[in-house]
Amino acid sequence: MIKNVIVPCASRFGLKVTRPRLGPNSVVQPRTMAALVAFSDIATGEGLPLAEASEAAWRKFLITASQEDVAFDEDELLDWFVSNGWGSGDARTLTERFVREAALLAEYSEAGGN
């Protein structure tokens, strides 16, 4: 929706569309940020539970974050979701889900998982 509707409309009026950024406490690599943006582009507005395509984008974001060993500040991630169109309840649920699932992947990796 952002690429196909909002950006063209804003451009007609000479406006530039930018994305909210994470705060200074998060350390996030470009691939992970791209995966987070891709997830948000697909899923924002549909609410929870996520549709199948959104779940796939979520898994890609989660796996990429795990591979790059990023460090999200939970409050900054929550604020990022809200700033990108998620309701506060859904944003909190996604943030908590990320923390829980990232911890599980880290535990698996530390136990010698592939």
PDB file of N, CA and C in Angstrom:
ATOM      1  N   MET A   1       0.810  -1.183   0.000  1.00  0.00           N
ATOM      2  CA  MET A   1       0.000   0.000   0.000  1.00  0.00           C
ATOM      3  C   MET A   1       0.865   1.263   0.000  1.00  0.00           C
ATOM      4  N   ILE A   2       1.948   1.222   0.747  1.00  0.00           N
ATOM      5  CA  ILE A   2       2.801   2.403   0.825  1.00  0.00           C
ATOM      6  C   ILE A   2       3.376   2.729  -0.549  1.00  0.00           C
ATOM      7  N   LYS A   3       3.947   1.704  -1.215  1.00  0.00           N
ATOM      8  CA  LYS A   3       4.593   1.939  -2.507  1.00  0.00           C
ATOM      9  C   LYS A   3       3.594   2.289  -3.603  1.00  0.00           C
ATOM     10  N   ASN A   4       2.436   1.648  -3.574  1.00  0.00           N
ATOM     11  CA  ASN A   4       1.486   1.790  -4.673  1.00  0.00           C
ATOM     12  C   ASN A   4       0.475   2.908  -4.499  1.00  0.00           C
ATOM     13  N   VAL A   5       0.241   3.353  -3.276  1.00  0.00           N
ATOM     14  CA  VAL A   5      -0.788   4.367  -3.050  1.00  0.00           C
ATOM     15  C   VAL A   5      -0.224   5.622  -2.396  1.00  0.00           C
ATOM     16  N   ILE A   6       0.377   5.451  -1.238  1.00  0.00           N
ATOM     17  CA  ILE A   6       0.797   6.613  -0.453  1.00  0.00           C
ATOM     18  C   ILE A   6       1.921   7.387  -1.129  1.00  0.00           C
ATOM     19  N   VAL A   7       2.968   6.690  -1.561  1.00  0.00           N
ATOM     20  CA  VAL A   7       4.113   7.376  -2.179  1.00  0.00           C
ATOM     21  C   VAL A   7       3.702   8.145  -3.439  1.00  0.00           C
ATOM     22  N   PRO A   8       2.957   7.534  -4.365  1.00  0.00           N
ATOM     23  CA  PRO A   8       2.547   8.299  -5.544  1.00  0.00           C
ATOM     24  C   PRO A   8       1.686   9.520  -5.201  1.00  0.00           C
ATOM     25  N   CYS A   9       0.776   9.374  -4.256  1.00  0.00           N
ATOM     26  CA  CYS A   9      -0.071  10.510  -3.866  1.00  0.00           C
ATOM     27  C   CYS A   9       0.763  11.619  -3.241  1.00  0.00           C
ATOM     28  N   ALA A  10       1.665  11.249  -2.359  1.00  0.00           N
ATOM     29  CA  ALA A  10       2.517  12.254  -1.714  1.00  0.00           C
ATOM     30  C   ALA A  10       3.398  12.955  -2.743  1.00  0.00           C
ATOM     31  N   SER A  11       3.917  12.191  -3.695  1.00  0.00           N
ATOM     32  CA  SER A  11       4.780  12.770  -4.729  1.00  0.00           C
ATOM     33  C   SER A  11       4.057  13.815  -5.565  1.00  0.00           C
ATOM     34  N   ARG A  12       2.784  13.597  -5.833  1.00  0.00           N
ATOM     35  CA  ARG A  12       2.005  14.568  -6.601  1.00  0.00           C
ATOM     36  C   ARG A  12       1.945  15.927  -5.926  1.00  0.00           C
ATOM     37  N   PHE A  13       2.056  15.912  -4.609  1.00  0.00           N
ATOM     38  CA  PHE A  13       1.999  17.159  -3.849  1.00  0.00           C
ATOM     39  C   PHE A  13       3.383  17.632  -3.405  1.00  0.00           C
ATOM     40  N   GLY A  14       4.425  17.014  -3.974  1.00  0.00           N
ATOM     41  CA  GLY A  14       5.783  17.419  -3.657  1.00  0.00           C
ATOM     42  C   GLY A  14       6.262  16.985  -2.285  1.00  0.00           C
ATOM     43  N   LEU A  15       5.618  15.969  -1.723  1.00  0.00           N
ATOM     44  CA  LEU A  15       5.992  15.487  -0.396  1.00  0.00           C
ATOM     45  C   LEU A  15       6.818  14.216  -0.510  1.00  0.00           C
ATOM     46  N   LYS A  16       7.662  13.990   0.480  1.00  0.00           N
ATOM     47  CA  LYS A  16       8.477  12.784   0.527  1.00  0.00           C
ATOM     48  C   LYS A  16       7.996  11.919   1.686  1.00  0.00           C
ATOM     49  N   VAL A  17       7.848  10.635   1.429  1.00  0.00           N
ATOM     50  CA  VAL A  17       7.423   9.695   2.459  1.00  0.00           C
ATOM     51  C   VAL A  17       8.667   9.067   3.070  1.00  0.00           C
ATOM     52  N   THR A  18       8.784   9.165   4.386  1.00  0.00           N
ATOM     53  CA  THR A  18       9.894   8.528   5.085  1.00  0.00           C
ATOM     54  C   THR A  18       9.333   7.548   6.107  1.00  0.00           C
ATOM     55  N   ARG A  19      10.175   6.652   6.533  1.00  0.00           N
ATOM     56  CA  ARG A  19       9.777   5.659   7.527  1.00  0.00           C
ATOM     57  C   ARG A  19      10.300   6.071   8.887  1.00  0.00           C
ATOM     58  N   PRO A  20       9.533   5.778   9.921  1.00  0.00           N
ATOM     59  CA  PRO A  20      10.067   5.982  11.273  1.00  0.00           C
ATOM     60  C   PRO A  20      11.305   5.117  11.466  1.00  0.00           C
ATOM     61  N   ARG A  21      12.217   5.602  12.269  1.00  0.00           N
ATOM     62  CA  ARG A  21      13.440   4.861  12.537  1.00  0.00           C
ATOM     63  C   ARG A  21      13.404   4.304  13.952  1.00  0.00           C
ATOM     64  N   LEU A  22      14.217   3.297  14.143  1.00  0.00           N
ATOM     65  CA  LEU A  22      14.390   2.790  15.494  1.00  0.00           C
ATOM     66  C   LEU A  22      15.249   3.773  16.266  1.00  0.00           C
ATOM     67  N   GLY A  23      15.149   3.753  17.567  1.00  0.00           N
ATOM     68  CA  GLY A  23      15.919   4.663  18.402  1.00  0.00           C
ATOM     69  C   GLY A  23      17.378   4.255  18.538  1.00  0.00           C
ATOM     70  N   PRO A  24      18.127   4.995  19.338  1.00  0.00           N
ATOM     71  CA  PRO A  24      19.570   4.778  19.446  1.00  0.00           C
ATOM     72  C   PRO A  24      19.971   3.528  20.225  1.00  0.00           C
ATOM     73  N   ASN A  25      19.040   2.901  20.923  1.00  0.00           N
ATOM     74  CA  ASN A  25      19.387   1.738  21.731  1.00  0.00           C
ATOM     75  C   ASN A  25      19.325   0.428  20.965  1.00  0.00           C
ATOM     76  N   SER A  26      18.740   0.437  19.781  1.00  0.00           N
ATOM     77  CA  SER A  26      18.649  -0.771  18.963  1.00  0.00           C
ATOM     78  C   SER A  26      19.827  -0.838  18.006  1.00  0.00           C
ATOM     79  N   VAL A  27      20.372  -2.040  17.844  1.00  0.00           N
ATOM     80  CA  VAL A  27      21.469  -2.269  16.901  1.00  0.00           C
ATOM     81  C   VAL A  27      20.938  -3.269  15.874  1.00  0.00           C
ATOM     82  N   VAL A  28      20.605  -2.747  14.695  1.00  0.00           N
ATOM     83  CA  VAL A  28      19.933  -3.560  13.684  1.00  0.00           C
ATOM     84  C   VAL A  28      20.656  -3.421  12.351  1.00  0.00           C
ATOM     85  N   GLN A  29      20.983  -4.567  11.766  1.00  0.00           N
ATOM     86  CA  GLN A  29      21.674  -4.590  10.473  1.00  0.00           C
ATOM     87  C   GLN A  29      20.695  -4.325   9.336  1.00  0.00           C
ATOM     88  N   PRO A  30      21.208  -3.884   8.178  1.00  0.00           N
ATOM     89  CA  PRO A  30      20.328  -3.525   7.052  1.00  0.00           C
ATOM     90  C   PRO A  30      19.417  -4.646   6.562  1.00  0.00           C
ATOM     91  N   ARG A  31      19.901  -5.890   6.503  1.00  0.00           N
ATOM     92  CA  ARG A  31      19.041  -6.982   6.027  1.00  0.00           C
ATOM     93  C   ARG A  31      17.857  -7.207   6.961  1.00  0.00           C
ATOM     94  N   THR A  32      18.118  -7.106   8.258  1.00  0.00           N
ATOM     95  CA  THR A  32      17.032  -7.278   9.219  1.00  0.00           C
ATOM     96  C   THR A  32      16.036  -6.141   9.108  1.00  0.00           C
ATOM     97  N   MET A  33      16.537  -4.919   8.964  1.00  0.00           N
ATOM     98  CA  MET A  33      15.635  -3.775   8.829  1.00  0.00           C
ATOM     99  C   MET A  33      14.792  -3.914   7.571  1.00  0.00           C
ATOM    100  N   ALA A  34      15.404  -4.371   6.486  1.00  0.00           N
ATOM    101  CA  ALA A  34      14.660  -4.578   5.240  1.00  0.00           C
ATOM    102  C   ALA A  34      13.582  -5.644   5.420  1.00  0.00           C
ATOM    103  N   ALA A  35      13.898  -6.702   6.158  1.00  0.00           N
ATOM    104  CA  ALA A  35      12.913  -7.760   6.403  1.00  0.00           C
ATOM    105  C   ALA A  35      11.776  -7.257   7.291  1.00  0.00           C
ATOM    106  N   LEU A  36      12.096  -6.409   8.267  1.00  0.00           N
ATOM    107  CA  LEU A  36      11.064  -5.816   9.122  1.00  0.00           C
ATOM    108  C   LEU A  36      10.147  -4.912   8.308  1.00  0.00           C
ATOM    109  N   VAL A  37      10.720  -4.092   7.450  1.00  0.00           N
ATOM    110  CA  VAL A  37       9.923  -3.199   6.596  1.00  0.00           C
ATOM    111  C   VAL A  37       9.058  -4.014   5.646  1.00  0.00           C
ATOM    112  N   ALA A  38       9.623  -5.071   5.063  1.00  0.00           N
ATOM    113  CA  ALA A  38       8.847  -5.924   4.149  1.00  0.00           C
ATOM    114  C   ALA A  38       7.670  -6.562   4.892  1.00  0.00           C
ATOM    115  N   PHE A  39       7.922  -7.058   6.096  1.00  0.00           N
ATOM    116  CA  PHE A  39       6.833  -7.617   6.896  1.00  0.00           C
ATOM    117  C   PHE A  39       5.753  -6.568   7.131  1.00  0.00           C
ATOM    118  N   SER A  40       6.163  -5.405   7.549  1.00  0.00           N
ATOM    119  CA  SER A  40       5.202  -4.355   7.868  1.00  0.00           C
ATOM    120  C   SER A  40       4.416  -3.926   6.627  1.00  0.00           C
ATOM    121  N   ASP A  41       5.087  -3.841   5.486  1.00  0.00           N
ATOM    122  CA  ASP A  41       4.390  -3.473   4.245  1.00  0.00           C
ATOM    123  C   ASP A  41       3.298  -4.481   3.901  1.00  0.00           C
ATOM    124  N   ILE A  42       3.582  -5.753   4.143  1.00  0.00           N
ATOM    125  CA  ILE A  42       2.611  -6.804   3.826  1.00  0.00           C
ATOM    126  C   ILE A  42       1.487  -6.844   4.851  1.00  0.00           C
ATOM    127  N   ALA A  43       1.833  -6.695   6.132  1.00  0.00           N
ATOM    128  CA  ALA A  43       0.889  -7.017   7.196  1.00  0.00           C
ATOM    129  C   ALA A  43       0.161  -5.838   7.832  1.00  0.00           C
ATOM    130  N   THR A  44       0.710  -4.635   7.754  1.00  0.00           N
ATOM    131  CA  THR A  44       0.086  -3.505   8.439  1.00  0.00           C
ATOM    132  C   THR A  44      -1.334  -3.304   7.929  1.00  0.00           C
ATOM    133  N   GLY A  45      -2.235  -3.137   8.862  1.00  0.00           N
ATOM    134  CA  GLY A  45      -3.626  -2.901   8.516  1.00  0.00           C
ATOM    135  C   GLY A  45      -4.497  -4.128   8.589  1.00  0.00           C
ATOM    136  N   GLU A  46      -3.893  -5.309   8.561  1.00  0.00           N
ATOM    137  CA  GLU A  46      -4.716  -6.518   8.604  1.00  0.00           C
ATOM    138  C   GLU A  46      -5.014  -6.938  10.036  1.00  0.00           C
ATOM    139  N   GLY A  47      -4.215  -6.484  10.990  1.00  0.00           N
ATOM    140  CA  GLY A  47      -4.411  -6.857  12.375  1.00  0.00           C
ATOM    141  C   GLY A  47      -3.986  -8.281  12.648  1.00  0.00           C
ATOM    142  N   LEU A  48      -4.261  -8.709  13.854  1.00  0.00           N
ATOM    143  CA  LEU A  48      -3.904 -10.063  14.272  1.00  0.00           C
ATOM    144  C   LEU A  48      -5.160 -10.909  14.373  1.00  0.00           C
ATOM    145  N   PRO A  49      -5.094 -12.187  14.104  1.00  0.00           N
ATOM    146  CA  PRO A  49      -3.913 -12.957  13.728  1.00  0.00           C
ATOM    147  C   PRO A  49      -3.463 -12.631  12.304  1.00  0.00           C
ATOM    148  N   LEU A  50      -2.194 -12.920  12.040  1.00  0.00           N
ATOM    149  CA  LEU A  50      -1.617 -12.630  10.736  1.00  0.00           C
ATOM    150  C   LEU A  50      -2.109 -13.622   9.682  1.00  0.00           C
ATOM    151  N   ALA A  51      -2.276 -13.108   8.472  1.00  0.00           N
ATOM    152  CA  ALA A  51      -2.610 -13.964   7.331  1.00  0.00           C
ATOM    153  C   ALA A  51      -1.376 -14.788   6.939  1.00  0.00           C
ATOM    154  N   GLU A  52      -1.571 -15.759   6.095  1.00  0.00           N
ATOM    155  CA  GLU A  52      -0.491 -16.670   5.698  1.00  0.00           C
ATOM    156  C   GLU A  52       0.716 -15.939   5.119  1.00  0.00           C
ATOM    157  N   ALA A  53       0.499 -14.992   4.217  1.00  0.00           N
ATOM    158  CA  ALA A  53       1.612 -14.260   3.605  1.00  0.00           C
ATOM    159  C   ALA A  53       2.348 -13.421   4.653  1.00  0.00           C
ATOM    160  N   SER A  54       1.593 -12.872   5.582  1.00  0.00           N
ATOM    161  CA  SER A  54       2.204 -12.081   6.643  1.00  0.00           C
ATOM    162  C   SER A  54       3.020 -12.957   7.583  1.00  0.00           C
ATOM    163  N   GLU A  55       2.522 -14.146   7.871  1.00  0.00           N
ATOM    164  CA  GLU A  55       3.277 -15.092   8.710  1.00  0.00           C
ATOM    165  C   GLU A  55       4.605 -15.450   8.052  1.00  0.00           C
ATOM    166  N   ALA A  56       4.589 -15.655   6.746  1.00  0.00           N
ATOM    167  CA  ALA A  56       5.828 -15.977   6.030  1.00  0.00           C
ATOM    168  C   ALA A  56       6.813 -14.803   6.115  1.00  0.00           C
ATOM    169  N   ALA A  57       6.322 -13.594   5.956  1.00  0.00           N
ATOM    170  CA  ALA A  57       7.179 -12.412   6.057  1.00  0.00           C
ATOM    171  C   ALA A  57       7.699 -12.246   7.489  1.00  0.00           C
ATOM    172  N   TRP A  58       6.860 -12.552   8.479  1.00  0.00           N
ATOM    173  CA  TRP A  58       7.290 -12.498   9.878  1.00  0.00           C
ATOM    174  C   TRP A  58       8.432 -13.481  10.124  1.00  0.00           C
ATOM    175  N   ARG A  59       8.288 -14.718   9.636  1.00  0.00           N
ATOM    176  CA  ARG A  59       9.335 -15.719   9.827  1.00  0.00           C
ATOM    177  C   ARG A  59      10.637 -15.280   9.174  1.00  0.00           C
ATOM    178  N   LYS A  60      10.545 -14.690   7.996  1.00  0.00           N
ATOM    179  CA  LYS A  60      11.765 -14.209   7.326  1.00  0.00           C
ATOM    180  C   LYS A  60      12.438 -13.123   8.169  1.00  0.00           C
ATOM    181  N   PHE A  61      11.643 -12.197   8.707  1.00  0.00           N
ATOM    182  CA  PHE A  61      12.176 -11.153   9.580  1.00  0.00           C
ATOM    183  C   PHE A  61      12.838 -11.779  10.805  1.00  0.00           C
ATOM    184  N   LEU A  62      12.162 -12.693  11.466  1.00  0.00           N
ATOM    185  CA  LEU A  62      12.680 -13.318  12.676  1.00  0.00           C
ATOM    186  C   LEU A  62      13.977 -14.084  12.404  1.00  0.00           C
ATOM    187  N   ILE A  63      14.009 -14.860  11.337  1.00  0.00           N
ATOM    188  CA  ILE A  63      15.202 -15.641  11.003  1.00  0.00           C
ATOM    189  C   ILE A  63      16.356 -14.728  10.629  1.00  0.00           C
ATOM    190  N   THR A  64      16.083 -13.693   9.864  1.00  0.00           N
ATOM    191  CA  THR A  64      17.138 -12.746   9.487  1.00  0.00           C
ATOM    192  C   THR A  64      17.702 -12.058  10.721  1.00  0.00           C
ATOM    193  N   ALA A  65      16.833 -11.640  11.622  1.00  0.00           N
ATOM    194  CA  ALA A  65      17.282 -10.999  12.863  1.00  0.00           C
ATOM    195  C   ALA A  65      18.153 -11.959  13.667  1.00  0.00           C
ATOM    196  N   SER A  66      17.779 -13.220  13.696  1.00  0.00           N
ATOM    197  CA  SER A  66      18.562 -14.217  14.420  1.00  0.00           C
ATOM    198  C   SER A  66      19.924 -14.428  13.764  1.00  0.00           C
ATOM    199  N   GLN A  67      19.944 -14.520  12.453  1.00  0.00           N
ATOM    200  CA  GLN A  67      21.206 -14.729  11.735  1.00  0.00           C
ATOM    201  C   GLN A  67      22.164 -13.554  11.917  1.00  0.00           C
ATOM    202  N   GLU A  68      21.613 -12.348  11.974  1.00  0.00           N
ATOM    203  CA  GLU A  68      22.463 -11.157  12.096  1.00  0.00           C
ATOM    204  C   GLU A  68      22.716 -10.770  13.556  1.00  0.00           C
ATOM    205  N   ASP A  69      22.132 -11.521  14.477  1.00  0.00           N
ATOM    206  CA  ASP A  69      22.341 -11.285  15.901  1.00  0.00           C
ATOM    207  C   ASP A  69      22.095  -9.825  16.278  1.00  0.00           C
ATOM    208  N   VAL A  70      20.934  -9.328  15.874  1.00  0.00           N
ATOM    209  CA  VAL A  70      20.591  -7.931  16.142  1.00  0.00           C
ATOM    210  C   VAL A  70      20.136  -7.758  17.586  1.00  0.00           C
ATOM    211  N   ALA A  71      20.076  -6.510  18.018  1.00  0.00           N
ATOM    212  CA  ALA A  71      19.624  -6.196  19.372  1.00  0.00           C
ATOM    213  C   ALA A  71      18.575  -5.098  19.291  1.00  0.00           C
ATOM    214  N   PHE A  72      17.316  -5.489  19.437  1.00  0.00           N
ATOM    215  CA  PHE A  72      16.225  -4.519  19.475  1.00  0.00           C
ATOM    216  C   PHE A  72      15.975  -4.094  20.912  1.00  0.00           C
ATOM    217  N   ASP A  73      15.839  -2.812  21.133  1.00  0.00           N
ATOM    218  CA  ASP A  73      15.297  -2.321  22.384  1.00  0.00           C
ATOM    219  C   ASP A  73      13.792  -2.547  22.289  1.00  0.00           C
ATOM    220  N   GLU A  74      13.212  -3.205  23.275  1.00  0.00           N
ATOM    221  CA  GLU A  74      11.791  -3.569  23.190  1.00  0.00           C
ATOM    222  C   GLU A  74      10.885  -2.350  23.042  1.00  0.00           C
ATOM    223  N   ASP A  75      11.158  -1.285  23.779  1.00  0.00           N
ATOM    224  CA  ASP A  75      10.326  -0.079  23.678  1.00  0.00           C
ATOM    225  C   ASP A  75      10.447   0.568  22.298  1.00  0.00           C
ATOM    226  N   GLU A  76      11.658   0.557  21.751  1.00  0.00           N
ATOM    227  CA  GLU A  76      11.854   1.130  20.414  1.00  0.00           C
ATOM    228  C   GLU A  76      11.155   0.301  19.346  1.00  0.00           C
ATOM    229  N   LEU A  77      11.197  -1.020  19.474  1.00  0.00           N
ATOM    230  CA  LEU A  77      10.502  -1.868  18.508  1.00  0.00           C
ATOM    231  C   LEU A  77       8.998  -1.654  18.610  1.00  0.00           C
ATOM    232  N   LEU A  78       8.493  -1.594  19.814  1.00  0.00           N
ATOM    233  CA  LEU A  78       7.068  -1.312  20.029  1.00  0.00           C
ATOM    234  C   LEU A  78       6.681   0.014  19.394  1.00  0.00           C
ATOM    235  N   ASP A  79       7.465   1.054  19.647  1.00  0.00           N
ATOM    236  CA  ASP A  79       7.190   2.371  19.060  1.00  0.00           C
ATOM    237  C   ASP A  79       7.263   2.328  17.533  1.00  0.00           C
ATOM    238  N   TRP A  80       8.196   1.539  16.995  1.00  0.00           N
ATOM    239  CA  TRP A  80       8.327   1.423  15.540  1.00  0.00           C
ATOM    240  C   TRP A  80       7.058   0.825  14.947  1.00  0.00           C
ATOM    241  N   PHE A  81       6.562  -0.241  15.565  1.00  0.00           N
ATOM    242  CA  PHE A  81       5.321  -0.853  15.064  1.00  0.00           C
ATOM    243  C   PHE A  81       4.170   0.150  15.099  1.00  0.00           C
ATOM    244  N   VAL A  82       4.016   0.864  16.189  1.00  0.00           N
ATOM    245  CA  VAL A  82       2.935   1.850  16.308  1.00  0.00           C
ATOM    246  C   VAL A  82       3.100   2.943  15.256  1.00  0.00           C
ATOM    247  N   SER A  83       4.318   3.432  15.075  1.00  0.00           N
ATOM    248  CA  SER A  83       4.578   4.488  14.089  1.00  0.00           C
ATOM    249  C   SER A  83       4.344   4.029  12.659  1.00  0.00           C
ATOM    250  N   ASN A  84       4.375   2.713  12.458  1.00  0.00           N
ATOM    251  CA  ASN A  84       4.153   2.158  11.123  1.00  0.00           C
ATOM    252  C   ASN A  84       2.732   1.659  10.920  1.00  0.00           C
ATOM    253  N   GLY A  85       1.821   2.093  11.796  1.00  0.00           N
ATOM    254  CA  GLY A  85       0.410   1.833  11.541  1.00  0.00           C
ATOM    255  C   GLY A  85      -0.241   0.726  12.348  1.00  0.00           C
ATOM    256  N   TRP A  86       0.483   0.078  13.226  1.00  0.00           N
ATOM    257  CA  TRP A  86      -0.105  -0.968  14.056  1.00  0.00           C
ATOM    258  C   TRP A  86      -0.785  -0.335  15.260  1.00  0.00           C
ATOM    259  N   GLY A  87      -1.914  -0.879  15.671  1.00  0.00           N
ATOM    260  CA  GLY A  87      -2.549  -0.449  16.906  1.00  0.00           C
ATOM    261  C   GLY A  87      -1.650  -0.812  18.085  1.00  0.00           C
ATOM    262  N   SER A  88      -1.798  -0.109  19.186  1.00  0.00           N
ATOM    263  CA  SER A  88      -0.886  -0.325  20.312  1.00  0.00           C
ATOM    264  C   SER A  88      -0.970  -1.752  20.864  1.00  0.00           C
ATOM    265  N   GLY A  89      -2.164  -2.330  20.905  1.00  0.00           N
ATOM    266  CA  GLY A  89      -2.293  -3.705  21.389  1.00  0.00           C
ATOM    267  C   GLY A  89      -1.599  -4.705  20.484  1.00  0.00           C
ATOM    268  N   ASP A  90      -1.811  -4.571  19.173  1.00  0.00           N
ATOM    269  CA  ASP A  90      -1.153  -5.465  18.215  1.00  0.00           C
ATOM    270  C   ASP A  90       0.357  -5.242  18.223  1.00  0.00           C
ATOM    271  N   ALA A  91       0.787  -3.991  18.362  1.00  0.00           N
ATOM    272  CA  ALA A  91       2.216  -3.684  18.410  1.00  0.00           C
ATOM    273  C   ALA A  91       2.862  -4.360  19.619  1.00  0.00           C
ATOM    274  N   ARG A  92       2.185  -4.304  20.748  1.00  0.00           N
ATOM    275  CA  ARG A  92       2.704  -4.964  21.963  1.00  0.00           C
ATOM    276  C   ARG A  92       2.766  -6.478  21.753  1.00  0.00           C
ATOM    277  N   THR A  93       1.732  -7.044  21.161  1.00  0.00           N
ATOM    278  CA  THR A  93       1.703  -8.489  20.909  1.00  0.00           C
ATOM    279  C   THR A  93       2.844  -8.890  19.974  1.00  0.00           C
ATOM    280  N   LEU A  94       3.077  -8.121  18.917  1.00  0.00           N
ATOM    281  CA  LEU A  94       4.167  -8.428  17.982  1.00  0.00           C
ATOM    282  C   LEU A  94       5.524  -8.302  18.663  1.00  0.00           C
ATOM    283  N   THR A  95       5.693  -7.277  19.474  1.00  0.00           N
ATOM    284  CA  THR A  95       6.964  -7.087  20.174  1.00  0.00           C
ATOM    285  C   THR A  95       7.220  -8.248  21.125  1.00  0.00           C
ATOM    286  N   GLU A  96       6.213  -8.614  21.892  1.00  0.00           N
ATOM    287  CA  GLU A  96       6.360  -9.751  22.816  1.00  0.00           C
ATOM    288  C   GLU A  96       6.611 -11.048  22.064  1.00  0.00           C
ATOM    289  N   ARG A  97       5.943 -11.211  20.943  1.00  0.00           N
ATOM    290  CA  ARG A  97       6.151 -12.407  20.119  1.00  0.00           C
ATOM    291  C   ARG A  97       7.583 -12.446  19.601  1.00  0.00           C
ATOM    292  N   PHE A  98       8.092 -11.289  19.136  1.00  0.00           N
ATOM    293  CA  PHE A  98       9.466 -11.250  18.642  1.00  0.00           C
ATOM    294  C   PHE A  98      10.449 -11.656  19.746  1.00  0.00           C
ATOM    295  N   VAL A  99      10.286 -11.073  20.920  1.00  0.00           N
ATOM    296  CA  VAL A  99      11.192 -11.375  22.035  1.00  0.00           C
ATOM    297  C   VAL A  99      11.152 -12.867  22.363  1.00  0.00           C
ATOM    298  N   ARG A 100       9.977 -13.426  22.450  1.00  0.00           N
ATOM    299  CA  ARG A 100       9.797 -14.837  22.782  1.00  0.00           C
ATOM    300  C   ARG A 100      10.408 -15.746  21.705  1.00  0.00           C
ATOM    301  N   GLU A 101      10.106 -15.478  20.455  1.00  0.00           N
ATOM    302  CA  GLU A 101      10.578 -16.344  19.374  1.00  0.00           C
ATOM    303  C   GLU A 101      12.074 -16.168  19.123  1.00  0.00           C
ATOM    304  N   ALA A 102      12.582 -14.950  19.278  1.00  0.00           N
ATOM    305  CA  ALA A 102      14.024 -14.714  19.122  1.00  0.00           C
ATOM    306  C   ALA A 102      14.804 -15.440  20.221  1.00  0.00           C
ATOM    307  N   ALA A 103      14.260 -15.443  21.437  1.00  0.00           N
ATOM    308  CA  ALA A 103      14.910 -16.154  22.538  1.00  0.00           C
ATOM    309  C   ALA A 103      14.934 -17.658  22.260  1.00  0.00           C
ATOM    310  N   LEU A 104      13.859 -18.181  21.702  1.00  0.00           N
ATOM    311  CA  LEU A 104      13.800 -19.600  21.367  1.00  0.00           C
ATOM    312  C   LEU A 104      14.842 -19.947  20.295  1.00  0.00           C
ATOM    313  N   LEU A 105      14.958 -19.123  19.273  1.00  0.00           N
ATOM    314  CA  LEU A 105      15.958 -19.370  18.226  1.00  0.00           C
ATOM    315  C   LEU A 105      17.377 -19.274  18.797  1.00  0.00           C
ATOM    316  N   ALA A 106      17.623 -18.323  19.690  1.00  0.00           N
ATOM    317  CA  ALA A 106      18.948 -18.187  20.300  1.00  0.00           C
ATOM    318  C   ALA A 106      19.273 -19.416  21.145  1.00  0.00           C
ATOM    319  N   GLU A 107      18.301 -19.897  21.896  1.00  0.00           N
ATOM    320  CA  GLU A 107      18.491 -21.093  22.718  1.00  0.00           C
ATOM    321  C   GLU A 107      18.802 -22.306  21.841  1.00  0.00           C
ATOM    322  N   TYR A 108      18.077 -22.432  20.747  1.00  0.00           N
ATOM    323  CA  TYR A 108      18.303 -23.530  19.801  1.00  0.00           C
ATOM    324  C   TYR A 108      19.710 -23.452  19.225  1.00  0.00           C
ATOM    325  N   SER A 109      20.121 -22.262  18.826  1.00  0.00           N
ATOM    326  CA  SER A 109      21.443 -22.072  18.248  1.00  0.00           C
ATOM    327  C   SER A 109      22.551 -22.402  19.268  1.00  0.00           C
ATOM    328  N   GLU A 110      22.365 -21.936  20.494  1.00  0.00           N
ATOM    329  CA  GLU A 110      23.367 -22.199  21.545  1.00  0.00           C
ATOM    330  C   GLU A 110      23.442 -23.673  21.893  1.00  0.00           C
ATOM    331  N   ALA A 111      22.357 -24.403  21.695  1.00  0.00           N
ATOM    332  CA  ALA A 111      22.351 -25.839  21.988  1.00  0.00           C
ATOM    333  C   ALA A 111      22.935 -26.662  20.850  1.00  0.00           C
ATOM    334  N   GLY A 112      23.431 -25.962  19.825  1.00  0.00           N
ATOM    335  CA  GLY A 112      24.065 -26.667  18.711  1.00  0.00           C
ATOM    336  C   GLY A 112      23.169 -26.890  17.525  1.00  0.00           C
ATOM    337  N   GLY A 113      22.007 -26.231  17.507  1.00  0.00           N
ATOM    338  CA  GLY A 113      21.119 -26.355  16.354  1.00  0.00           C
ATOM    339  C   GLY A 113      21.750 -25.730  15.125  1.00  0.00           C
ATOM    340  N   ASN A 114      21.264 -26.108  14.003  1.00  0.00           N
ATOM    341  CA  ASN A 114      21.824 -25.595  12.732  1.00  0.00           C
ATOM    342  C   ASN A 114      21.401 -24.207  12.448  1.00  0.00           C
TER     343      ASN A 114
END
